Protein backbone atom coordinates (compact mmCIF):
# COMPACT_ATOMS: atom_id res chain seq x y z
CA MET A 1 -6.87 -14.10 -12.29
CA ASN A 2 -8.88 -10.92 -11.57
CA PHE A 3 -10.79 -12.89 -8.95
CA ASP A 4 -7.50 -13.82 -7.23
CA ARG A 5 -6.39 -10.18 -7.20
CA ALA A 6 -9.76 -9.04 -5.85
CA ALA A 7 -9.66 -11.78 -3.18
CA ALA A 8 -6.14 -10.74 -2.12
CA TYR A 9 -7.24 -7.07 -1.88
CA ALA A 10 -10.32 -8.04 0.16
CA LYS A 11 -8.14 -10.11 2.49
CA GLN A 12 -5.71 -7.19 3.00
CA LYS A 13 -8.64 -4.84 3.62
CA ASP A 14 -10.18 -7.21 6.20
CA SER A 15 -6.82 -7.56 7.95
CA LEU A 16 -6.43 -3.76 8.08
CA LYS A 17 -9.99 -3.38 9.41
CA LYS A 18 -9.28 -5.92 12.20
CA GLU A 19 -6.09 -4.05 13.16
CA PHE A 20 -8.04 -0.77 13.06
CA ASP A 21 -10.78 -2.17 15.35
CA MET A 22 -8.18 -3.67 17.71
CA PHE A 23 -6.28 -0.37 17.92
CA PHE A 24 -9.37 1.60 18.94
CA GLY A 25 -10.59 -1.20 21.22
CA SER A 26 -7.37 -0.91 23.23
CA LEU A 27 -7.73 2.85 23.79
CA PRO A 28 -9.77 4.54 26.52
CA GLY A 29 -13.04 6.01 25.30
CA TYR A 30 -15.53 4.69 22.79
CA VAL A 31 -14.38 4.91 19.19
CA ILE A 32 -16.02 2.66 16.60
CA LEU A 33 -16.12 2.79 12.80
CA ALA A 34 -19.37 4.76 12.90
CA THR A 35 -17.79 7.54 15.02
CA VAL A 36 -14.23 7.66 13.64
CA ALA A 37 -12.92 11.13 12.77
CA PRO A 38 -9.88 12.14 10.66
CA ARG A 39 -7.70 12.64 13.76
CA ASP A 40 -8.43 9.00 14.69
CA ILE A 41 -7.30 7.89 11.21
CA CYS A 42 -4.05 9.86 11.65
CA ARG A 43 -3.47 8.30 15.09
CA PHE A 44 -3.94 4.83 13.60
CA LEU A 45 -1.59 5.52 10.68
CA VAL A 46 1.13 6.70 13.08
CA PHE A 47 0.53 3.52 15.13
CA THR A 48 1.15 1.36 12.02
CA ASP A 49 4.75 2.63 11.91
CA LYS A 50 5.47 -0.20 14.35
CA ASP A 51 5.49 -2.49 11.28
CA GLY A 52 7.81 -0.19 9.35
CA LYS A 53 11.03 -1.28 7.70
CA ASN A 54 12.31 2.10 6.48
CA GLN A 55 14.67 3.91 8.84
CA VAL A 56 14.40 7.65 8.29
CA HIS A 57 17.72 9.26 9.23
CA ARG A 58 17.77 12.86 10.40
CA ASN A 59 20.36 15.35 9.09
CA ASP A 60 21.93 15.51 12.57
CA CYS A 61 21.82 11.72 12.98
CA ARG A 62 24.87 10.18 14.71
CA PRO A 63 25.69 6.57 15.55
CA ARG A 64 25.53 5.53 19.21
CA ASP A 65 29.26 6.18 19.69
CA TYR A 66 28.73 9.86 18.61
CA ASN A 67 32.19 9.97 16.95
CA SER A 68 31.01 10.53 13.39
CA CYS A 69 27.95 11.52 11.40
CA CYS A 70 25.56 8.80 10.36
CA ARG A 71 26.72 7.31 7.05
CA HIS A 72 23.51 5.34 6.51
CA LYS A 73 21.39 8.11 4.99
CA GLY A 74 19.66 6.76 1.90
CA GLU A 75 20.62 3.14 2.69
CA LYS A 76 18.16 0.34 3.32
CA GLY A 77 18.29 -1.57 6.61
CA LYS A 78 18.06 -0.79 10.32
CA TYR A 79 20.97 0.70 12.22
CA ASP A 80 21.64 1.49 15.89
CA CYS A 81 21.65 5.29 15.47
CA GLY A 82 18.20 5.64 17.06
CA CYS A 83 16.47 7.22 14.05
CA SER A 84 12.78 6.46 13.53
CA VAL A 85 11.64 3.38 11.64
CA ARG A 86 8.54 4.02 9.54
CA LEU A 87 6.27 2.44 6.98
CA SER A 88 7.05 3.30 3.38
CA TYR A 89 5.00 6.25 2.12
CA LYS A 90 3.70 3.97 -0.65
CA THR A 91 2.40 1.49 1.96
CA LEU A 92 0.83 4.39 3.87
CA ALA A 93 -0.91 5.55 0.67
CA SER A 94 -2.19 2.01 0.15
CA TYR A 95 -3.55 1.91 3.73
CA ILE A 96 -5.35 5.24 3.21
CA GLY A 97 -6.94 3.91 0.02
CA LYS A 98 -8.11 0.76 1.81
CA LEU A 99 -9.49 2.80 4.73
CA GLN A 100 -11.39 5.02 2.29
CA ASN A 101 -12.82 1.86 0.74
CA ILE A 102 -13.80 0.47 4.17
CA PHE A 103 -15.73 3.65 5.04
CA HIS A 104 -17.25 3.76 1.55
CA SER A 105 -18.64 0.24 2.09
CA LEU A 106 -20.22 1.48 5.33
CA GLY A 107 -22.04 4.25 3.46
CA ARG A 108 -19.64 6.97 4.64
CA ASP A 109 -18.73 8.32 1.22
CA GLY A 110 -17.53 11.66 -0.10
CA GLU A 111 -15.34 14.38 1.37
CA TRP A 112 -15.29 14.73 5.17
CA ASP A 113 -17.59 17.47 6.49
CA LYS A 114 -15.93 19.05 9.55
CA ARG A 115 -19.05 20.90 10.64
CA LEU A 116 -21.29 17.85 10.74
CA GLY A 117 -18.65 15.19 11.39
CA LEU A 118 -20.02 13.11 8.51
CA GLU A 119 -18.86 11.25 5.40
CA ASN A 120 -15.47 9.58 4.82
CA PRO A 121 -12.86 10.54 7.47
CA ALA A 122 -10.04 8.87 5.49
CA ALA A 123 -10.69 11.35 2.64
CA ASP A 124 -10.06 14.40 4.86
CA LYS A 125 -7.34 16.95 4.07
CA SER A 126 -5.53 16.21 7.36
CA VAL A 127 -5.02 12.56 6.30
CA LYS A 128 -3.74 13.70 2.88
CA ASP A 129 -1.44 16.20 4.65
CA LEU A 130 -0.04 13.40 6.84
CA LEU A 131 0.75 11.34 3.73
CA ARG A 132 2.35 14.37 2.05
CA LEU A 133 4.55 15.07 5.10
CA VAL A 134 5.64 11.42 5.39
CA THR A 135 6.43 11.35 1.66
CA VAL A 136 8.53 14.54 1.87
CA GLU A 137 10.33 13.26 4.99
CA GLN A 138 11.27 9.97 3.32
CA LEU A 139 12.31 11.60 0.04
CA GLN A 140 14.50 14.10 1.91
CA ALA A 141 16.08 11.17 3.74
CA ARG A 142 16.76 9.75 0.25
CA LEU A 143 14.66 6.66 0.81
CA LYS A 144 13.53 5.09 -2.43
CA PRO A 145 10.54 2.75 -2.55
CA LYS A 146 11.40 -0.72 -3.80
CA GLN A 147 10.77 -0.92 -7.52
CA ALA A 148 9.42 -3.87 -9.43
CA ILE A 149 11.78 -5.89 -11.61
CA PRO A 150 11.31 -4.75 -15.22
CA PHE A 151 9.38 -7.13 -17.47
CA PHE A 152 11.05 -7.29 -20.91
CA VAL A 153 9.88 -8.52 -24.30
CA ASP A 154 11.90 -11.77 -24.04
CA LYS A 155 10.06 -12.67 -20.84
CA LEU A 156 6.71 -11.86 -22.44
CA THR A 157 7.67 -14.09 -25.39
CA GLN A 158 8.56 -16.98 -23.06
CA LEU A 159 5.33 -16.55 -21.15
CA CYS A 160 3.24 -16.55 -24.35
CA LEU A 161 5.03 -19.67 -25.67
CA HIS A 162 4.29 -21.42 -22.37
CA LEU A 163 0.63 -20.40 -22.58
CA ASP A 164 0.47 -21.59 -26.21
CA ARG A 165 1.71 -25.02 -25.12
CA LYS A 166 -0.88 -25.14 -22.35
CA LEU A 167 -3.57 -24.04 -24.82
CA ARG A 168 -2.74 -26.89 -27.22
CA HIS A 169 -3.02 -29.48 -24.43
CA ALA A 170 -6.15 -28.07 -22.76
CA GLU A 171 -9.13 -30.37 -23.25
CA ARG A 172 -11.98 -28.40 -21.69
CA ALA A 173 -13.38 -25.27 -23.33
CA ILE A 174 -13.30 -23.37 -20.02
CA ASP A 175 -9.55 -24.10 -19.65
CA ARG A 176 -8.87 -22.93 -23.22
CA PHE A 177 -10.84 -19.75 -22.55
CA ALA A 178 -8.92 -19.02 -19.30
CA ILE A 179 -5.52 -19.54 -20.96
CA ALA A 180 -6.43 -17.39 -23.99
CA ARG A 181 -7.77 -14.67 -21.68
CA ASP A 182 -4.55 -14.70 -19.61
CA LYS A 183 -2.41 -14.45 -22.75
CA ALA A 184 -4.43 -11.48 -24.01
CA TYR A 185 -4.28 -9.83 -20.59
CA PHE A 186 -0.48 -10.13 -20.31
CA LYS A 187 0.03 -8.72 -23.82
CA LEU A 188 -2.34 -5.83 -23.19
CA ALA A 189 -0.71 -5.06 -19.82
CA PHE A 190 2.75 -5.09 -21.40
CA PHE A 191 2.04 -3.00 -24.49
CA SER A 192 -0.29 -0.48 -22.87
CA GLY A 193 2.16 0.32 -20.06
CA ASP A 194 -0.76 0.59 -17.60
CA GLN A 195 -0.77 -0.92 -14.17
CA PRO A 196 -2.30 -4.43 -14.38
CA GLY A 197 -4.76 -3.48 -11.63
CA ASP A 198 -6.08 -0.61 -13.75
CA LEU A 199 -6.61 -2.95 -16.69
CA GLY A 200 -8.40 -5.50 -14.52
């Protein structure tokens, strides 16, 4: 199960890296991963808003007919008022984390050094400031990130009963080990209240 999660993260990271390379390949000049600076990271993150699904309504937002104020503030969906559509601030934070990881794997680790233009550009204060501004903008527009469906004790009980049945019918030792491990993992994740990724 941890392997699946790690594989999914690696796949997302590779996809983001390809989009990153493609973005800089389409611009004039010569920007590659080895020469990327924080301002380039910010430019890329603004570019990713093209995939956004959150419409951020301004206070003075009006529908196209201009007869009344926009009544969509805080609502999900896209409307014809012309307000910007952006990525969720949580998605942006995830992208920044993946970009930091990409540069870390290239040996560009640690806080960005402005004087020397070295280390991890995704860890620079300007990138953190961009995330902070986007977060404030979306919270002021009353956008709420989608929350996970709560996982209650009755669901945990059903899951454990299902795993018990599978455990009784498993013939190979490796299958029994995997089922017992999954059962322990789900119980620990539930009762500790930690994010499953942290426990992994």
